[in-house]
N, C-alpha and C. Protein backbone atom coordinates (compact mmCIF):
# COMPACT_ATOMS: atom_id res chain seq x y z
N UNK A 1 111.31 104.29 114.28
CA UNK A 1 110.19 104.54 115.15
C UNK A 1 110.61 105.44 116.31
N UNK A 2 111.73 105.13 116.95
CA UNK A 2 112.18 105.94 118.07
C UNK A 2 112.57 107.34 117.63
N UNK A 3 113.22 107.44 116.48
CA UNK A 3 113.62 108.75 115.97
C UNK A 3 112.38 109.57 115.66
N UNK A 4 111.40 108.97 115.00
CA UNK A 4 110.17 109.69 114.67
C UNK A 4 109.45 110.15 115.94
N UNK A 5 109.40 109.30 116.94
CA UNK A 5 108.76 109.68 118.20
C UNK A 5 109.50 110.85 118.84
N UNK A 6 110.84 110.82 118.82
CA UNK A 6 111.62 111.92 119.37
C UNK A 6 111.34 113.20 118.61
N UNK A 7 111.32 113.11 117.29
CA UNK A 7 111.05 114.31 116.47
C UNK A 7 109.68 114.89 116.83
N UNK A 8 108.68 114.04 116.93
CA UNK A 8 107.33 114.51 117.21
C UNK A 8 107.21 115.11 118.62
N UNK A 9 107.86 114.49 119.61
CA UNK A 9 107.70 114.92 121.00
C UNK A 9 108.67 116.02 121.42
N UNK A 10 109.89 115.98 120.92
CA UNK A 10 110.92 116.91 121.38
C UNK A 10 111.34 117.88 120.28
N UNK A 11 111.63 117.35 119.12
CA UNK A 11 112.09 118.20 118.02
C UNK A 11 110.98 119.00 117.36
N UNK A 12 109.75 118.53 117.51
CA UNK A 12 108.52 119.16 117.02
C UNK A 12 108.29 119.03 115.51
N UNK A 13 109.35 118.92 114.71
CA UNK A 13 109.18 118.73 113.26
C UNK A 13 110.52 118.37 112.64
N UNK A 14 110.45 117.69 111.51
CA UNK A 14 111.67 117.39 110.76
C UNK A 14 112.14 118.65 110.06
N UNK A 15 113.45 118.78 109.94
CA UNK A 15 113.98 119.81 109.04
C UNK A 15 113.61 119.40 107.63
N UNK A 16 113.51 120.32 106.69
CA UNK A 16 113.24 119.92 105.30
C UNK A 16 114.33 118.97 104.79
N UNK A 17 113.99 118.09 103.85
CA UNK A 17 114.98 117.14 103.34
C UNK A 17 116.28 117.79 102.86
N UNK A 18 116.19 118.91 102.20
CA UNK A 18 117.41 119.57 101.73
C UNK A 18 118.28 120.02 102.90
N UNK A 19 117.66 120.52 103.96
CA UNK A 19 118.42 120.90 105.15
C UNK A 19 119.04 119.67 105.80
N UNK A 20 118.28 118.57 105.86
CA UNK A 20 118.84 117.34 106.43
C UNK A 20 119.99 116.82 105.59
N UNK A 21 119.94 117.01 104.28
CA UNK A 21 121.06 116.59 103.44
C UNK A 21 122.30 117.41 103.78
N UNK A 22 122.13 118.70 104.01
CA UNK A 22 123.26 119.54 104.40
C UNK A 22 123.80 119.11 105.76
N UNK A 23 122.89 118.80 106.69
CA UNK A 23 123.30 118.34 108.02
C UNK A 23 124.05 117.01 107.91
N UNK A 24 123.56 116.12 107.05
CA UNK A 24 124.24 114.84 106.84
C UNK A 24 125.66 115.07 106.33
N UNK A 25 125.81 115.99 105.40
CA UNK A 25 127.14 116.30 104.86
C UNK A 25 128.06 116.80 105.97
N UNK A 26 127.53 117.64 106.83
CA UNK A 26 128.31 118.15 107.96
C UNK A 26 128.71 117.00 108.89
N UNK A 27 127.77 116.12 109.20
CA UNK A 27 128.06 115.00 110.10
C UNK A 27 129.08 114.04 109.50
N UNK A 28 128.99 113.79 108.20
CA UNK A 28 129.97 112.91 107.54
C UNK A 28 131.36 113.56 107.59
N UNK A 29 131.41 114.88 107.46
CA UNK A 29 132.69 115.58 107.59
C UNK A 29 133.29 115.41 108.98
N UNK A 30 132.44 115.48 110.01
CA UNK A 30 132.93 115.28 111.37
C UNK A 30 133.42 113.85 111.57
N UNK A 31 132.72 112.90 110.97
CA UNK A 31 133.15 111.50 111.03
C UNK A 31 134.49 111.32 110.33
N UNK A 32 134.63 111.94 109.18
CA UNK A 32 135.89 111.85 108.43
C UNK A 32 137.05 112.43 109.24
N UNK A 33 136.79 113.52 109.92
CA UNK A 33 137.84 114.14 110.74
C UNK A 33 138.33 113.18 111.82
N UNK A 34 137.40 112.51 112.50
CA UNK A 34 137.79 111.56 113.54
C UNK A 34 138.59 110.41 112.94
N UNK A 35 138.12 109.88 111.82
CA UNK A 35 138.81 108.73 111.22
C UNK A 35 140.20 109.10 110.74
N UNK A 36 140.34 110.23 110.07
CA UNK A 36 141.66 110.60 109.55
C UNK A 36 142.63 110.95 110.68
N UNK A 37 142.11 111.47 111.78
CA UNK A 37 142.99 111.82 112.89
C UNK A 37 143.33 110.61 113.76
N UNK A 38 142.42 109.67 113.86
CA UNK A 38 142.67 108.50 114.73
C UNK A 38 143.22 107.29 113.98
N UNK A 39 142.87 107.17 112.70
CA UNK A 39 143.28 105.98 111.94
C UNK A 39 144.10 106.32 110.71
N UNK A 40 144.29 107.58 110.44
CA UNK A 40 145.01 108.01 109.26
C UNK A 40 146.30 108.72 109.63
N UNK A 41 146.86 109.44 108.66
CA UNK A 41 148.17 110.04 108.85
C UNK A 41 148.18 111.36 109.62
N UNK A 42 147.02 111.98 109.82
CA UNK A 42 147.02 113.26 110.52
C UNK A 42 147.19 113.06 112.02
N UNK A 43 147.79 114.04 112.64
CA UNK A 43 148.02 113.99 114.08
C UNK A 43 146.84 114.67 114.76
N UNK A 44 146.24 113.97 115.70
CA UNK A 44 145.07 114.48 116.41
C UNK A 44 145.47 115.57 117.40
N UNK A 45 144.63 116.61 117.43
CA UNK A 45 144.75 117.64 118.46
C UNK A 45 143.90 117.19 119.65
N UNK A 46 144.10 117.81 120.81
CA UNK A 46 143.33 117.43 121.99
C UNK A 46 141.83 117.51 121.72
N UNK A 47 141.39 118.55 121.02
CA UNK A 47 139.96 118.72 120.74
C UNK A 47 139.43 117.61 119.83
N UNK A 48 140.29 117.06 118.97
CA UNK A 48 139.87 115.94 118.11
C UNK A 48 139.62 114.69 118.93
N UNK A 49 140.40 114.49 119.97
CA UNK A 49 140.28 113.29 120.78
C UNK A 49 139.04 113.31 121.66
N UNK A 50 138.45 114.50 121.83
CA UNK A 50 137.22 114.60 122.61
C UNK A 50 136.02 114.06 121.85
N UNK A 51 136.12 114.00 120.54
CA UNK A 51 135.06 113.42 119.71
C UNK A 51 135.40 111.96 119.51
N UNK A 52 134.37 111.12 119.47
CA UNK A 52 134.69 109.72 119.28
C UNK A 52 133.94 109.14 118.09
N UNK A 53 134.49 108.08 117.59
CA UNK A 53 133.95 107.43 116.40
C UNK A 53 132.52 106.99 116.62
N UNK A 54 132.23 106.43 117.77
CA UNK A 54 130.88 105.95 118.07
C UNK A 54 129.86 107.09 117.96
N UNK A 55 130.18 108.22 118.55
CA UNK A 55 129.26 109.36 118.53
C UNK A 55 129.04 109.88 117.11
N UNK A 56 130.12 109.98 116.35
CA UNK A 56 130.01 110.52 114.99
C UNK A 56 129.25 109.56 114.07
N UNK A 57 129.48 108.26 114.21
CA UNK A 57 128.72 107.29 113.42
C UNK A 57 127.23 107.37 113.76
N UNK A 58 126.93 107.49 115.04
CA UNK A 58 125.53 107.59 115.47
C UNK A 58 124.88 108.87 114.94
N UNK A 59 125.62 109.97 114.90
CA UNK A 59 125.08 111.21 114.35
C UNK A 59 124.73 111.06 112.88
N UNK A 60 125.59 110.39 112.12
CA UNK A 60 125.31 110.13 110.70
C UNK A 60 124.07 109.27 110.56
N UNK A 61 124.00 108.21 111.36
CA UNK A 61 122.85 107.31 111.31
C UNK A 61 121.56 108.05 111.64
N UNK A 62 121.59 108.93 112.62
CA UNK A 62 120.42 109.71 113.03
C UNK A 62 119.84 110.48 111.85
N UNK A 63 120.72 111.19 111.14
CA UNK A 63 120.24 112.02 110.03
C UNK A 63 119.75 111.14 108.88
N UNK A 64 120.40 110.02 108.62
CA UNK A 64 119.93 109.10 107.59
C UNK A 64 118.53 108.58 107.94
N UNK A 65 118.31 108.24 109.19
CA UNK A 65 116.99 107.77 109.62
C UNK A 65 115.96 108.89 109.48
N UNK A 66 116.33 110.10 109.82
CA UNK A 66 115.41 111.24 109.63
C UNK A 66 115.03 111.38 108.17
N UNK A 67 116.00 111.33 107.28
CA UNK A 67 115.71 111.45 105.85
C UNK A 67 114.80 110.32 105.37
N UNK A 68 115.06 109.11 105.84
CA UNK A 68 114.21 107.98 105.45
C UNK A 68 112.79 108.18 105.96
N UNK A 69 112.65 108.55 107.21
CA UNK A 69 111.33 108.75 107.79
C UNK A 69 110.53 109.79 107.02
N UNK A 70 111.14 110.92 106.75
CA UNK A 70 110.39 112.01 106.15
C UNK A 70 110.12 111.81 104.67
N UNK A 71 110.82 110.88 104.05
CA UNK A 71 110.59 110.62 102.62
C UNK A 71 109.88 109.29 102.38
N UNK A 72 109.53 108.60 103.47
CA UNK A 72 108.76 107.37 103.35
C UNK A 72 109.57 106.15 102.94
N UNK A 73 110.87 106.18 103.15
CA UNK A 73 111.72 105.04 102.81
C UNK A 73 111.77 104.07 103.99
N UNK A 74 111.49 102.80 103.72
CA UNK A 74 111.61 101.75 104.73
C UNK A 74 113.06 101.28 104.71
N UNK A 75 113.86 101.77 105.65
CA UNK A 75 115.29 101.46 105.66
C UNK A 75 115.57 99.97 105.86
N UNK A 76 114.75 99.30 106.63
CA UNK A 76 114.96 97.86 106.83
C UNK A 76 114.84 97.13 105.51
N UNK A 77 113.79 97.42 104.76
CA UNK A 77 113.59 96.77 103.46
C UNK A 77 114.64 97.22 102.45
N UNK A 78 114.98 98.49 102.46
CA UNK A 78 116.00 99.00 101.54
C UNK A 78 117.34 98.34 101.82
N UNK A 79 117.68 98.17 103.10
CA UNK A 79 118.94 97.52 103.44
C UNK A 79 118.93 96.05 103.04
N UNK A 80 117.80 95.38 103.24
CA UNK A 80 117.68 93.99 102.83
C UNK A 80 117.93 93.85 101.34
N UNK A 81 117.34 94.74 100.54
CA UNK A 81 117.52 94.71 99.09
C UNK A 81 118.97 94.99 98.70
N UNK A 82 119.59 95.94 99.38
CA UNK A 82 120.99 96.26 99.09
C UNK A 82 121.90 95.09 99.42
N UNK A 83 121.66 94.45 100.55
CA UNK A 83 122.46 93.29 100.93
C UNK A 83 122.30 92.16 99.92
N UNK A 84 121.08 91.93 99.47
CA UNK A 84 120.83 90.90 98.46
C UNK A 84 121.54 91.24 97.15
N UNK A 85 121.43 92.50 96.73
CA UNK A 85 122.08 92.94 95.49
C UNK A 85 123.58 92.75 95.57
N UNK A 86 124.18 93.19 96.66
CA UNK A 86 125.63 93.06 96.81
C UNK A 86 126.06 91.60 96.90
N UNK A 87 125.28 90.78 97.56
CA UNK A 87 125.60 89.36 97.67
C UNK A 87 125.60 88.70 96.30
N UNK A 88 124.57 88.97 95.52
CA UNK A 88 124.49 88.37 94.18
C UNK A 88 125.58 88.91 93.26
N UNK A 89 125.80 90.20 93.28
CA UNK A 89 126.76 90.83 92.39
C UNK A 89 128.20 90.49 92.76
N UNK A 90 128.49 90.40 94.05
CA UNK A 90 129.88 90.31 94.50
C UNK A 90 130.27 88.97 95.09
N UNK A 91 129.44 87.94 94.92
CA UNK A 91 129.72 86.68 95.61
C UNK A 91 131.10 86.10 95.29
N UNK A 92 131.65 86.38 94.12
CA UNK A 92 132.98 85.89 93.77
C UNK A 92 134.01 87.01 93.59
N UNK A 93 133.58 88.21 93.78
CA UNK A 93 134.41 89.37 93.48
C UNK A 93 135.68 89.46 94.34
N UNK A 94 135.59 89.04 95.58
CA UNK A 94 136.70 89.26 96.50
C UNK A 94 137.49 87.98 96.81
N UNK A 95 137.31 86.95 96.00
CA UNK A 95 137.99 85.67 96.24
C UNK A 95 139.50 85.80 96.29
N UNK A 96 140.08 86.66 95.49
CA UNK A 96 141.53 86.78 95.42
C UNK A 96 142.06 88.07 96.06
N UNK A 97 141.24 88.66 96.90
CA UNK A 97 141.61 89.92 97.54
C UNK A 97 142.69 89.70 98.59
N UNK A 98 143.71 90.53 98.51
CA UNK A 98 144.74 90.57 99.55
C UNK A 98 144.88 92.03 99.97
N UNK A 99 144.83 92.26 101.26
CA UNK A 99 144.95 93.61 101.80
C UNK A 99 146.33 93.75 102.39
N UNK A 100 146.98 94.82 101.98
CA UNK A 100 148.36 95.04 102.45
C UNK A 100 148.41 96.05 103.54
């Protein structure tokens, strides 16, 4: 609701879904860069440290919400269904999981 209101009042219109998919890909790449530099083996440059995980995750979420809004997907209901599916499918899947 808030994203749609912002688009209508400030952004004036949604980008086409294909453009938003490209933007999502770009945002996921930026998120990956932060994660690999901060939590992975790559060494962060000063410019990498200026970006933060919180901001990049929110950017990804923003574009996902835009795509859902413009295509008529109820993300709350879709997430509920996904959680139910994963719960039923995976309820015993991770019983013996050990993370090293």
